[in-house]
Amino acid sequence: MVITRAEAESLLRKDLSRFEAAVARAAPNATDNQFAAFVSLAFNIGISAFVRSTALRRHLAGDHQGAAAGIKLWNKGTVRGKRVVLRGLVTRRAREAALYLTA
């Protein structure tokens, strides 16, 4: 399928709105940076995984350091049928955790 950049951005905005709504419901007390980090995480791992995540559970308990650590747990992918730590996911999760902790 070939689409224009404008069409791609429109599709992304529409898709992101589902994740923003889910994060807003699951973590209504999140700061802007916590919210942004959680939307990024949920977009990548899926809404159902996000709502069951250690990161969200710790956030709701008020454990922000623990929530940031929970974000970093989502660093694995399947390669040749085995779950392995992926360097790209380690980097992405570190950035999300840092954003989450930013005042």
PDB file of N, CA and C in Angstrom:
ATOM      1  N   MET A   1       0.843  -1.166   0.000  1.00  0.00           N
ATOM      2  CA  MET A   1       0.000   0.000   0.000  1.00  0.00           C
ATOM      3  C   MET A   1       0.899   1.244   0.000  1.00  0.00           C
ATOM      4  N   VAL A   2       0.586   2.180  -0.816  1.00  0.00           N
ATOM      5  CA  VAL A   2       1.320   3.434  -0.885  1.00  0.00           C
ATOM      6  C   VAL A   2       0.391   4.550  -0.425  1.00  0.00           C
ATOM      7  N   ILE A   3       0.860   5.338   0.548  1.00  0.00           N
ATOM      8  CA  ILE A   3       0.075   6.466   1.041  1.00  0.00           C
ATOM      9  C   ILE A   3       0.986   7.687   1.142  1.00  0.00           C
ATOM     10  N   THR A   4       0.366   8.830   1.211  1.00  0.00           N
ATOM     11  CA  THR A   4       1.131  10.062   1.352  1.00  0.00           C
ATOM     12  C   THR A   4       1.569  10.234   2.799  1.00  0.00           C
ATOM     13  N   ARG A   5       2.505  11.134   3.005  1.00  0.00           N
ATOM     14  CA  ARG A   5       2.952  11.446   4.364  1.00  0.00           C
ATOM     15  C   ARG A   5       1.780  11.970   5.197  1.00  0.00           C
ATOM     16  N   ALA A   6       0.952  12.811   4.610  1.00  0.00           N
ATOM     17  CA  ALA A   6      -0.206  13.358   5.326  1.00  0.00           C
ATOM     18  C   ALA A   6      -1.176  12.249   5.729  1.00  0.00           C
ATOM     19  N   GLU A   7      -1.398  11.292   4.841  1.00  0.00           N
ATOM     20  CA  GLU A   7      -2.270  10.157   5.161  1.00  0.00           C
ATOM     21  C   GLU A   7      -1.662   9.318   6.286  1.00  0.00           C
ATOM     22  N   ALA A   8      -0.348   9.119   6.231  1.00  0.00           N
ATOM     23  CA  ALA A   8       0.334   8.339   7.271  1.00  0.00           C
ATOM     24  C   ALA A   8       0.215   9.030   8.625  1.00  0.00           C
ATOM     25  N   GLU A   9       0.407  10.337   8.639  1.00  0.00           N
ATOM     26  CA  GLU A   9       0.290  11.084   9.890  1.00  0.00           C
ATOM     27  C   GLU A   9      -1.134  11.061  10.425  1.00  0.00           C
ATOM     28  N   SER A  10      -2.106  11.122   9.535  1.00  0.00           N
ATOM     29  CA  SER A  10      -3.506  11.045   9.949  1.00  0.00           C
ATOM     30  C   SER A  10      -3.811   9.682  10.568  1.00  0.00           C
ATOM     31  N   LEU A  11      -3.333   8.629   9.944  1.00  0.00           N
ATOM     32  CA  LEU A  11      -3.532   7.283  10.487  1.00  0.00           C
ATOM     33  C   LEU A  11      -2.853   7.130  11.842  1.00  0.00           C
ATOM     34  N   LEU A  12      -1.647   7.670  11.974  1.00  0.00           N
ATOM     35  CA  LEU A  12      -0.930   7.590  13.249  1.00  0.00           C
ATOM     36  C   LEU A  12      -1.693   8.343  14.339  1.00  0.00           C
ATOM     37  N   ARG A  13      -2.151   9.561  14.046  1.00  0.00           N
ATOM     38  CA  ARG A  13      -2.913  10.328  15.039  1.00  0.00           C
ATOM     39  C   ARG A  13      -4.164   9.571  15.484  1.00  0.00           C
ATOM     40  N   LYS A  14      -4.858   8.973  14.526  1.00  0.00           N
ATOM     41  CA  LYS A  14      -6.075   8.216  14.854  1.00  0.00           C
ATOM     42  C   LYS A  14      -5.724   7.010  15.733  1.00  0.00           C
ATOM     43  N   ASP A  15      -4.668   6.306  15.359  1.00  0.00           N
ATOM     44  CA  ASP A  15      -4.237   5.148  16.134  1.00  0.00           C
ATOM     45  C   ASP A  15      -3.796   5.567  17.535  1.00  0.00           C
ATOM     46  N   LEU A  16      -3.029   6.642  17.624  1.00  0.00           N
ATOM     47  CA  LEU A  16      -2.555   7.109  18.925  1.00  0.00           C
ATOM     48  C   LEU A  16      -3.691   7.504  19.852  1.00  0.00           C
ATOM     49  N   SER A  17      -4.764   8.014  19.301  1.00  0.00           N
ATOM     50  CA  SER A  17      -5.871   8.457  20.155  1.00  0.00           C
ATOM     51  C   SER A  17      -6.441   7.303  20.981  1.00  0.00           C
ATOM     52  N   ARG A  18      -6.444   6.099  20.424  1.00  0.00           N
ATOM     53  CA  ARG A  18      -6.911   4.923  21.194  1.00  0.00           C
ATOM     54  C   ARG A  18      -6.006   4.671  22.398  1.00  0.00           C
ATOM     55  N   PHE A  19      -4.702   4.800  22.181  1.00  0.00           N
ATOM     56  CA  PHE A  19      -3.749   4.547  23.256  1.00  0.00           C
ATOM     57  C   PHE A  19      -3.782   5.659  24.295  1.00  0.00           C
ATOM     58  N   GLU A  20      -3.943   6.885  23.842  1.00  0.00           N
ATOM     59  CA  GLU A  20      -4.065   8.006  24.778  1.00  0.00           C
ATOM     60  C   GLU A  20      -5.298   7.833  25.662  1.00  0.00           C
ATOM     61  N   ALA A  21      -6.408   7.431  25.082  1.00  0.00           N
ATOM     62  CA  ALA A  21      -7.634   7.226  25.858  1.00  0.00           C
ATOM     63  C   ALA A  21      -7.457   6.096  26.869  1.00  0.00           C
ATOM     64  N   ALA A  22      -6.811   5.018  26.460  1.00  0.00           N
ATOM     65  CA  ALA A  22      -6.597   3.888  27.365  1.00  0.00           C
ATOM     66  C   ALA A  22      -5.691   4.269  28.525  1.00  0.00           C
ATOM     67  N   VAL A  23      -4.628   4.999  28.241  1.00  0.00           N
ATOM     68  CA  VAL A  23      -3.721   5.428  29.310  1.00  0.00           C
ATOM     69  C   VAL A  23      -4.425   6.420  30.228  1.00  0.00           C
ATOM     70  N   ALA A  24      -5.209   7.314  29.670  1.00  0.00           N
ATOM     71  CA  ALA A  24      -5.945   8.276  30.495  1.00  0.00           C
ATOM     72  C   ALA A  24      -6.893   7.564  31.456  1.00  0.00           C
ATOM     73  N   ARG A  25      -7.535   6.500  30.994  1.00  0.00           N
ATOM     74  CA  ARG A  25      -8.430   5.718  31.873  1.00  0.00           C
ATOM     75  C   ARG A  25      -7.641   4.955  32.930  1.00  0.00           C
ATOM     76  N   ALA A  26      -6.520   4.361  32.530  1.00  0.00           N
ATOM     77  CA  ALA A  26      -5.757   3.500  33.438  1.00  0.00           C
ATOM     78  C   ALA A  26      -4.936   4.296  34.449  1.00  0.00           C
ATOM     79  N   ALA A  27      -4.449   5.468  34.052  1.00  0.00           N
ATOM     80  CA  ALA A  27      -3.568   6.271  34.914  1.00  0.00           C
ATOM     81  C   ALA A  27      -4.041   7.722  34.912  1.00  0.00           C
ATOM     82  N   PRO A  28      -5.223   7.979  35.478  1.00  0.00           N
ATOM     83  CA  PRO A  28      -5.799   9.322  35.388  1.00  0.00           C
ATOM     84  C   PRO A  28      -5.001  10.398  36.123  1.00  0.00           C
ATOM     85  N   ASN A  29      -4.149   9.993  37.041  1.00  0.00           N
ATOM     86  CA  ASN A  29      -3.380  10.969  37.821  1.00  0.00           C
ATOM     87  C   ASN A  29      -1.969  11.178  37.278  1.00  0.00           C
ATOM     88  N   ALA A  30      -1.674  10.689  36.103  1.00  0.00           N
ATOM     89  CA  ALA A  30      -0.324  10.804  35.540  1.00  0.00           C
ATOM     90  C   ALA A  30      -0.013  12.252  35.171  1.00  0.00           C
ATOM     91  N   THR A  31       1.234  12.637  35.382  1.00  0.00           N
ATOM     92  CA  THR A  31       1.701  13.936  34.899  1.00  0.00           C
ATOM     93  C   THR A  31       1.801  13.863  33.369  1.00  0.00           C
ATOM     94  N   ASP A  32       2.039  14.996  32.740  1.00  0.00           N
ATOM     95  CA  ASP A  32       2.173  14.997  31.283  1.00  0.00           C
ATOM     96  C   ASP A  32       3.290  14.075  30.808  1.00  0.00           C
ATOM     97  N   ASN A  33       4.434  14.104  31.481  1.00  0.00           N
ATOM     98  CA  ASN A  33       5.551  13.256  31.062  1.00  0.00           C
ATOM     99  C   ASN A  33       5.290  11.779  31.354  1.00  0.00           C
ATOM    100  N   GLN A  34       4.674  11.485  32.478  1.00  0.00           N
ATOM    101  CA  GLN A  34       4.301  10.102  32.777  1.00  0.00           C
ATOM    102  C   GLN A  34       3.321   9.597  31.726  1.00  0.00           C
ATOM    103  N   PHE A  35       2.355  10.432  31.398  1.00  0.00           N
ATOM    104  CA  PHE A  35       1.349  10.086  30.389  1.00  0.00           C
ATOM    105  C   PHE A  35       2.021   9.806  29.042  1.00  0.00           C
ATOM    106  N   ALA A  36       2.919  10.674  28.622  1.00  0.00           N
ATOM    107  CA  ALA A  36       3.602  10.495  27.334  1.00  0.00           C
ATOM    108  C   ALA A  36       4.422   9.207  27.319  1.00  0.00           C
ATOM    109  N   ALA A  37       5.124   8.935  28.410  1.00  0.00           N
ATOM    110  CA  ALA A  37       5.914   7.703  28.488  1.00  0.00           C
ATOM    111  C   ALA A  37       5.008   6.480  28.427  1.00  0.00           C
ATOM    112  N   PHE A  38       3.891   6.536  29.130  1.00  0.00           N
ATOM    113  CA  PHE A  38       2.963   5.412  29.132  1.00  0.00           C
ATOM    114  C   PHE A  38       2.290   5.224  27.773  1.00  0.00           C
ATOM    115  N   VAL A  39       1.963   6.297  27.079  1.00  0.00           N
ATOM    116  CA  VAL A  39       1.373   6.161  25.748  1.00  0.00           C
ATOM    117  C   VAL A  39       2.373   5.492  24.806  1.00  0.00           C
ATOM    118  N   SER A  40       3.626   5.905  24.891  1.00  0.00           N
ATOM    119  CA  SER A  40       4.662   5.288  24.058  1.00  0.00           C
ATOM    120  C   SER A  40       4.783   3.800  24.353  1.00  0.00           C
ATOM    121  N   LEU A  41       4.808   3.459  25.632  1.00  0.00           N
ATOM    122  CA  LEU A  41       4.900   2.056  26.032  1.00  0.00           C
ATOM    123  C   LEU A  41       3.679   1.274  25.562  1.00  0.00           C
ATOM    124  N   ALA A  42       2.490   1.798  25.829  1.00  0.00           N
ATOM    125  CA  ALA A  42       1.257   1.101  25.453  1.00  0.00           C
ATOM    126  C   ALA A  42       1.155   0.926  23.942  1.00  0.00           C
ATOM    127  N   PHE A  43       1.567   1.931  23.193  1.00  0.00           N
ATOM    128  CA  PHE A  43       1.542   1.845  21.728  1.00  0.00           C
ATOM    129  C   PHE A  43       2.408   0.690  21.258  1.00  0.00           C
ATOM    130  N   ASN A  44       3.514   0.460  21.956  1.00  0.00           N
ATOM    131  CA  ASN A  44       4.446  -0.592  21.555  1.00  0.00           C
ATOM    132  C   ASN A  44       4.046  -1.972  22.049  1.00  0.00           C
ATOM    133  N   ILE A  45       3.507  -2.082  23.254  1.00  0.00           N
ATOM    134  CA  ILE A  45       3.227  -3.405  23.820  1.00  0.00           C
ATOM    135  C   ILE A  45       1.757  -3.795  23.748  1.00  0.00           C
ATOM    136  N   GLY A  46       0.900  -2.828  23.448  1.00  0.00           N
ATOM    137  CA  GLY A  46      -0.532  -3.098  23.385  1.00  0.00           C
ATOM    138  C   GLY A  46      -1.228  -2.672  24.663  1.00  0.00           C
ATOM    139  N   ILE A  47      -2.485  -2.326  24.515  1.00  0.00           N
ATOM    140  CA  ILE A  47      -3.260  -1.813  25.643  1.00  0.00           C
ATOM    141  C   ILE A  47      -3.451  -2.877  26.719  1.00  0.00           C
ATOM    142  N   SER A  48      -3.794  -4.092  26.330  1.00  0.00           N
ATOM    143  CA  SER A  48      -4.064  -5.104  27.370  1.00  0.00           C
ATOM    144  C   SER A  48      -2.801  -5.436  28.152  1.00  0.00           C
ATOM    145  N   ALA A  49      -1.650  -5.481  27.498  1.00  0.00           N
ATOM    146  CA  ALA A  49      -0.395  -5.720  28.225  1.00  0.00           C
ATOM    147  C   ALA A  49      -0.079  -4.539  29.143  1.00  0.00           C
ATOM    148  N   PHE A  50      -0.330  -3.333  28.650  1.00  0.00           N
ATOM    149  CA  PHE A  50      -0.058  -2.152  29.467  1.00  0.00           C
ATOM    150  C   PHE A  50      -0.901  -2.156  30.741  1.00  0.00           C
ATOM    151  N   VAL A  51      -2.189  -2.421  30.635  1.00  0.00           N
ATOM    152  CA  VAL A  51      -3.047  -2.351  31.826  1.00  0.00           C
ATOM    153  C   VAL A  51      -2.731  -3.454  32.838  1.00  0.00           C
ATOM    154  N   ARG A  52      -2.041  -4.497  32.405  1.00  0.00           N
ATOM    155  CA  ARG A  52      -1.613  -5.562  33.319  1.00  0.00           C
ATOM    156  C   ARG A  52      -0.164  -5.401  33.770  1.00  0.00           C
ATOM    157  N   SER A  53       0.499  -4.343  33.320  1.00  0.00           N
ATOM    158  CA  SER A  53       1.948  -4.211  33.525  1.00  0.00           C
ATOM    159  C   SER A  53       2.329  -3.842  34.954  1.00  0.00           C
ATOM    160  N   THR A  54       3.519  -4.242  35.318  1.00  0.00           N
ATOM    161  CA  THR A  54       4.126  -3.858  36.583  1.00  0.00           C
ATOM    162  C   THR A  54       4.295  -2.348  36.640  1.00  0.00           C
ATOM    163  N   ALA A  55       4.633  -1.745  35.503  1.00  0.00           N
ATOM    164  CA  ALA A  55       4.829  -0.293  35.467  1.00  0.00           C
ATOM    165  C   ALA A  55       3.560   0.432  35.913  1.00  0.00           C
ATOM    166  N   LEU A  56       2.423   0.058  35.363  1.00  0.00           N
ATOM    167  CA  LEU A  56       1.170   0.706  35.745  1.00  0.00           C
ATOM    168  C   LEU A  56       0.817   0.395  37.195  1.00  0.00           C
ATOM    169  N   ARG A  57       0.958  -0.842  37.584  1.00  0.00           N
ATOM    170  CA  ARG A  57       0.626  -1.236  38.961  1.00  0.00           C
ATOM    171  C   ARG A  57       1.448  -0.417  39.968  1.00  0.00           C
ATOM    172  N   ARG A  58       2.739  -0.269  39.705  1.00  0.00           N
ATOM    173  CA  ARG A  58       3.592   0.506  40.613  1.00  0.00           C
ATOM    174  C   ARG A  58       3.243   1.997  40.571  1.00  0.00           C
ATOM    175  N   HIS A  59       2.936   2.493  39.392  1.00  0.00           N
ATOM    176  CA  HIS A  59       2.522   3.897  39.266  1.00  0.00           C
ATOM    177  C   HIS A  59       1.292   4.167  40.122  1.00  0.00           C
ATOM    178  N   LEU A  60       0.310   3.306  40.004  1.00  0.00           N
ATOM    179  CA  LEU A  60      -0.931   3.493  40.758  1.00  0.00           C
ATOM    180  C   LEU A  60      -0.710   3.401  42.262  1.00  0.00           C
ATOM    181  N   ALA A  61       0.347   2.679  42.658  1.00  0.00           N
ATOM    182  CA  ALA A  61       0.683   2.571  44.071  1.00  0.00           C
ATOM    183  C   ALA A  61       1.525   3.761  44.550  1.00  0.00           C
ATOM    184  N   GLY A  62       1.871   4.656  43.626  1.00  0.00           N
ATOM    185  CA  GLY A  62       2.673   5.819  43.991  1.00  0.00           C
ATOM    186  C   GLY A  62       4.162   5.572  43.974  1.00  0.00           C
ATOM    187  N   ASP A  63       4.583   4.415  43.492  1.00  0.00           N
ATOM    188  CA  ASP A  63       6.001   4.047  43.426  1.00  0.00           C
ATOM    189  C   ASP A  63       6.550   4.429  42.055  1.00  0.00           C
ATOM    190  N   HIS A  64       6.975   5.673  41.915  1.00  0.00           N
ATOM    191  CA  HIS A  64       7.392   6.160  40.603  1.00  0.00           C
ATOM    192  C   HIS A  64       8.727   5.578  40.153  1.00  0.00           C
ATOM    193  N   GLN A  65       9.649   5.400  41.067  1.00  0.00           N
ATOM    194  CA  GLN A  65      10.917   4.742  40.701  1.00  0.00           C
ATOM    195  C   GLN A  65      10.643   3.303  40.262  1.00  0.00           C
ATOM    196  N   GLY A  66       9.760   2.640  40.981  1.00  0.00           N
ATOM    197  CA  GLY A  66       9.387   1.277  40.617  1.00  0.00           C
ATOM    198  C   GLY A  66       8.671   1.207  39.283  1.00  0.00           C
ATOM    199  N   ALA A  67       7.835   2.215  38.995  1.00  0.00           N
ATOM    200  CA  ALA A  67       7.139   2.263  37.707  1.00  0.00           C
ATOM    201  C   ALA A  67       8.146   2.420  36.570  1.00  0.00           C
ATOM    202  N   ALA A  68       9.125   3.305  36.766  1.00  0.00           N
ATOM    203  CA  ALA A  68      10.161   3.493  35.744  1.00  0.00           C
ATOM    204  C   ALA A  68      10.937   2.198  35.533  1.00  0.00           C
ATOM    205  N   ALA A  69      11.240   1.505  36.614  1.00  0.00           N
ATOM    206  CA  ALA A  69      11.919   0.211  36.489  1.00  0.00           C
ATOM    207  C   ALA A  69      11.011  -0.786  35.768  1.00  0.00           C
ATOM    208  N   GLY A  70       9.708  -0.715  36.036  1.00  0.00           N
ATOM    209  CA  GLY A  70       8.753  -1.590  35.368  1.00  0.00           C
ATOM    210  C   GLY A  70       8.698  -1.356  33.869  1.00  0.00           C
ATOM    211  N   ILE A  71       8.846  -0.111  33.451  1.00  0.00           N
ATOM    212  CA  ILE A  71       8.894   0.191  32.016  1.00  0.00           C
ATOM    213  C   ILE A  71      10.062  -0.544  31.375  1.00  0.00           C
ATOM    214  N   LYS A  72      11.188  -0.542  32.059  1.00  0.00           N
ATOM    215  CA  LYS A  72      12.407  -1.149  31.510  1.00  0.00           C
ATOM    216  C   LYS A  72      12.312  -2.665  31.377  1.00  0.00           C
ATOM    217  N   LEU A  73      11.346  -3.290  32.042  1.00  0.00           N
ATOM    218  CA  LEU A  73      11.192  -4.747  31.934  1.00  0.00           C
ATOM    219  C   LEU A  73      10.751  -5.178  30.532  1.00  0.00           C
ATOM    220  N   TRP A  74      10.161  -4.271  29.767  1.00  0.00           N
ATOM    221  CA  TRP A  74       9.633  -4.592  28.433  1.00  0.00           C
ATOM    222  C   TRP A  74      10.726  -4.442  27.380  1.00  0.00           C
ATOM    223  N   ASN A  75      11.795  -5.203  27.533  1.00  0.00           N
ATOM    224  CA  ASN A  75      12.969  -5.067  26.669  1.00  0.00           C
ATOM    225  C   ASN A  75      13.273  -6.314  25.836  1.00  0.00           C
ATOM    226  N   LYS A  76      12.314  -7.208  25.751  1.00  0.00           N
ATOM    227  CA  LYS A  76      12.559  -8.466  25.046  1.00  0.00           C
ATOM    228  C   LYS A  76      11.693  -8.613  23.804  1.00  0.00           C
ATOM    229  N   GLY A  77      12.226  -9.340  22.853  1.00  0.00           N
ATOM    230  CA  GLY A  77      11.500  -9.690  21.645  1.00  0.00           C
ATOM    231  C   GLY A  77      11.810 -11.129  21.296  1.00  0.00           C
ATOM    232  N   THR A  78      11.113 -11.654  20.328  1.00  0.00           N
ATOM    233  CA  THR A  78      11.333 -13.039  19.916  1.00  0.00           C
ATOM    234  C   THR A  78      12.217 -13.049  18.678  1.00  0.00           C
ATOM    235  N   VAL A  79      13.328 -13.767  18.805  1.00  0.00           N
ATOM    236  CA  VAL A  79      14.269 -13.925  17.695  1.00  0.00           C
ATOM    237  C   VAL A  79      14.520 -15.415  17.522  1.00  0.00           C
ATOM    238  N   ARG A  80      14.192 -15.911  16.333  1.00  0.00           N
ATOM    239  CA  ARG A  80      14.346 -17.345  16.031  1.00  0.00           C
ATOM    240  C   ARG A  80      13.672 -18.211  17.092  1.00  0.00           C
ATOM    241  N   GLY A  81      12.491 -17.772  17.509  1.00  0.00           N
ATOM    242  CA  GLY A  81      11.692 -18.558  18.443  1.00  0.00           C
ATOM    243  C   GLY A  81      12.072 -18.425  19.906  1.00  0.00           C
ATOM    244  N   LYS A  82      13.038 -17.572  20.236  1.00  0.00           N
ATOM    245  CA  LYS A  82      13.475 -17.411  21.628  1.00  0.00           C
ATOM    246  C   LYS A  82      13.299 -15.967  22.062  1.00  0.00           C
ATOM    247  N   ARG A  83      12.884 -15.794  23.321  1.00  0.00           N
ATOM    248  CA  ARG A  83      12.768 -14.452  23.901  1.00  0.00           C
ATOM    249  C   ARG A  83      14.158 -13.963  24.280  1.00  0.00           C
ATOM    250  N   VAL A  84      14.557 -12.835  23.729  1.00  0.00           N
ATOM    251  CA  VAL A  84      15.882 -12.283  24.002  1.00  0.00           C
ATOM    252  C   VAL A  84      15.778 -10.778  24.246  1.00  0.00           C
ATOM    253  N   VAL A  85      16.730 -10.266  25.009  1.00  0.00           N
ATOM    254  CA  VAL A  85      16.826  -8.827  25.228  1.00  0.00           C
ATOM    255  C   VAL A  85      17.311  -8.196  23.936  1.00  0.00           C
ATOM    256  N   LEU A  86      16.616  -7.156  23.505  1.00  0.00           N
ATOM    257  CA  LEU A  86      16.973  -6.451  22.273  1.00  0.00           C
ATOM    258  C   LEU A  86      17.528  -5.072  22.626  1.00  0.00           C
ATOM    259  N   ARG A  87      18.705  -4.769  22.105  1.00  0.00           N
ATOM    260  CA  ARG A  87      19.375  -3.507  22.415  1.00  0.00           C
ATOM    261  C   ARG A  87      18.487  -2.299  22.094  1.00  0.00           C
ATOM    262  N   GLY A  88      17.786  -2.353  20.975  1.00  0.00           N
ATOM    263  CA  GLY A  88      16.905  -1.244  20.612  1.00  0.00           C
ATOM    264  C   GLY A  88      15.796  -1.023  21.628  1.00  0.00           C
ATOM    265  N   LEU A  89      15.244  -2.129  22.157  1.00  0.00           N
ATOM    266  CA  LEU A  89      14.196  -1.999  23.175  1.00  0.00           C
ATOM    267  C   LEU A  89      14.766  -1.512  24.509  1.00  0.00           C
ATOM    268  N   VAL A  90      15.996  -1.919  24.825  1.00  0.00           N
ATOM    269  CA  VAL A  90      16.640  -1.422  26.046  1.00  0.00           C
ATOM    270  C   VAL A  90      16.766   0.098  25.960  1.00  0.00           C
ATOM    271  N   THR A  91      17.198   0.580  24.804  1.00  0.00           N
ATOM    272  CA  THR A  91      17.350   2.024  24.599  1.00  0.00           C
ATOM    273  C   THR A  91      16.006   2.735  24.664  1.00  0.00           C
ATOM    274  N   ARG A  92      15.011   2.192  23.971  1.00  0.00           N
ATOM    275  CA  ARG A  92      13.679   2.811  23.957  1.00  0.00           C
ATOM    276  C   ARG A  92      13.095   2.868  25.351  1.00  0.00           C
ATOM    277  N   ARG A  93      13.185   1.771  26.087  1.00  0.00           N
ATOM    278  CA  ARG A  93      12.624   1.729  27.444  1.00  0.00           C
ATOM    279  C   ARG A  93      13.368   2.667  28.387  1.00  0.00           C
ATOM    280  N   ALA A  94      14.672   2.788  28.228  1.00  0.00           N
ATOM    281  CA  ALA A  94      15.437   3.719  29.071  1.00  0.00           C
ATOM    282  C   ALA A  94      14.963   5.146  28.828  1.00  0.00           C
ATOM    283  N   ARG A  95      14.697   5.481  27.573  1.00  0.00           N
ATOM    284  CA  ARG A  95      14.211   6.829  27.258  1.00  0.00           C
ATOM    285  C   ARG A  95      12.799   7.051  27.813  1.00  0.00           C
ATOM    286  N   GLU A  96      11.943   6.029  27.699  1.00  0.00           N
ATOM    287  CA  GLU A  96      10.592   6.149  28.254  1.00  0.00           C
ATOM    288  C   GLU A  96      10.647   6.298  29.773  1.00  0.00           C
ATOM    289  N   ALA A  97      11.501   5.507  30.422  1.00  0.00           N
ATOM    290  CA  ALA A  97      11.626   5.583  31.885  1.00  0.00           C
ATOM    291  C   ALA A  97      12.149   6.951  32.301  1.00  0.00           C
ATOM    292  N   ALA A  98      13.112   7.483  31.573  1.00  0.00           N
ATOM    293  CA  ALA A  98      13.646   8.811  31.885  1.00  0.00           C
ATOM    294  C   ALA A  98      12.569   9.871  31.712  1.00  0.00           C
ATOM    295  N   LEU A  99      11.799   9.773  30.644  1.00  0.00           N
ATOM    296  CA  LEU A  99      10.699  10.722  30.419  1.00  0.00           C
ATOM    297  C   LEU A  99       9.680  10.605  31.548  1.00  0.00           C
ATOM    298  N   TYR A 100       9.346   9.382  31.921  1.00  0.00           N
ATOM    299  CA  TYR A 100       8.383   9.151  33.004  1.00  0.00           C
ATOM    300  C   TYR A 100       8.824   9.867  34.276  1.00  0.00           C
ATOM    301  N   LEU A 101      10.119   9.844  34.567  1.00  0.00           N
ATOM    302  CA  LEU A 101      10.641  10.430  35.808  1.00  0.00           C
ATOM    303  C   LEU A 101      10.918  11.937  35.710  1.00  0.00           C
ATOM    304  N   THR A 102      10.777  12.516  34.530  1.00  0.00           N
ATOM    305  CA  THR A 102      11.046  13.931  34.347  1.00  0.00           C
ATOM    306  C   THR A 102       9.895  14.767  34.910  1.00  0.00           C
ATOM    307  N   ALA A 103      10.238  15.702  35.775  1.00  0.00           N
ATOM    308  CA  ALA A 103       9.212  16.553  36.417  1.00  0.00           C
ATOM    309  C   ALA A 103       8.561  17.476  35.407  1.00  0.00           C
TER     310      ALA A 103
END
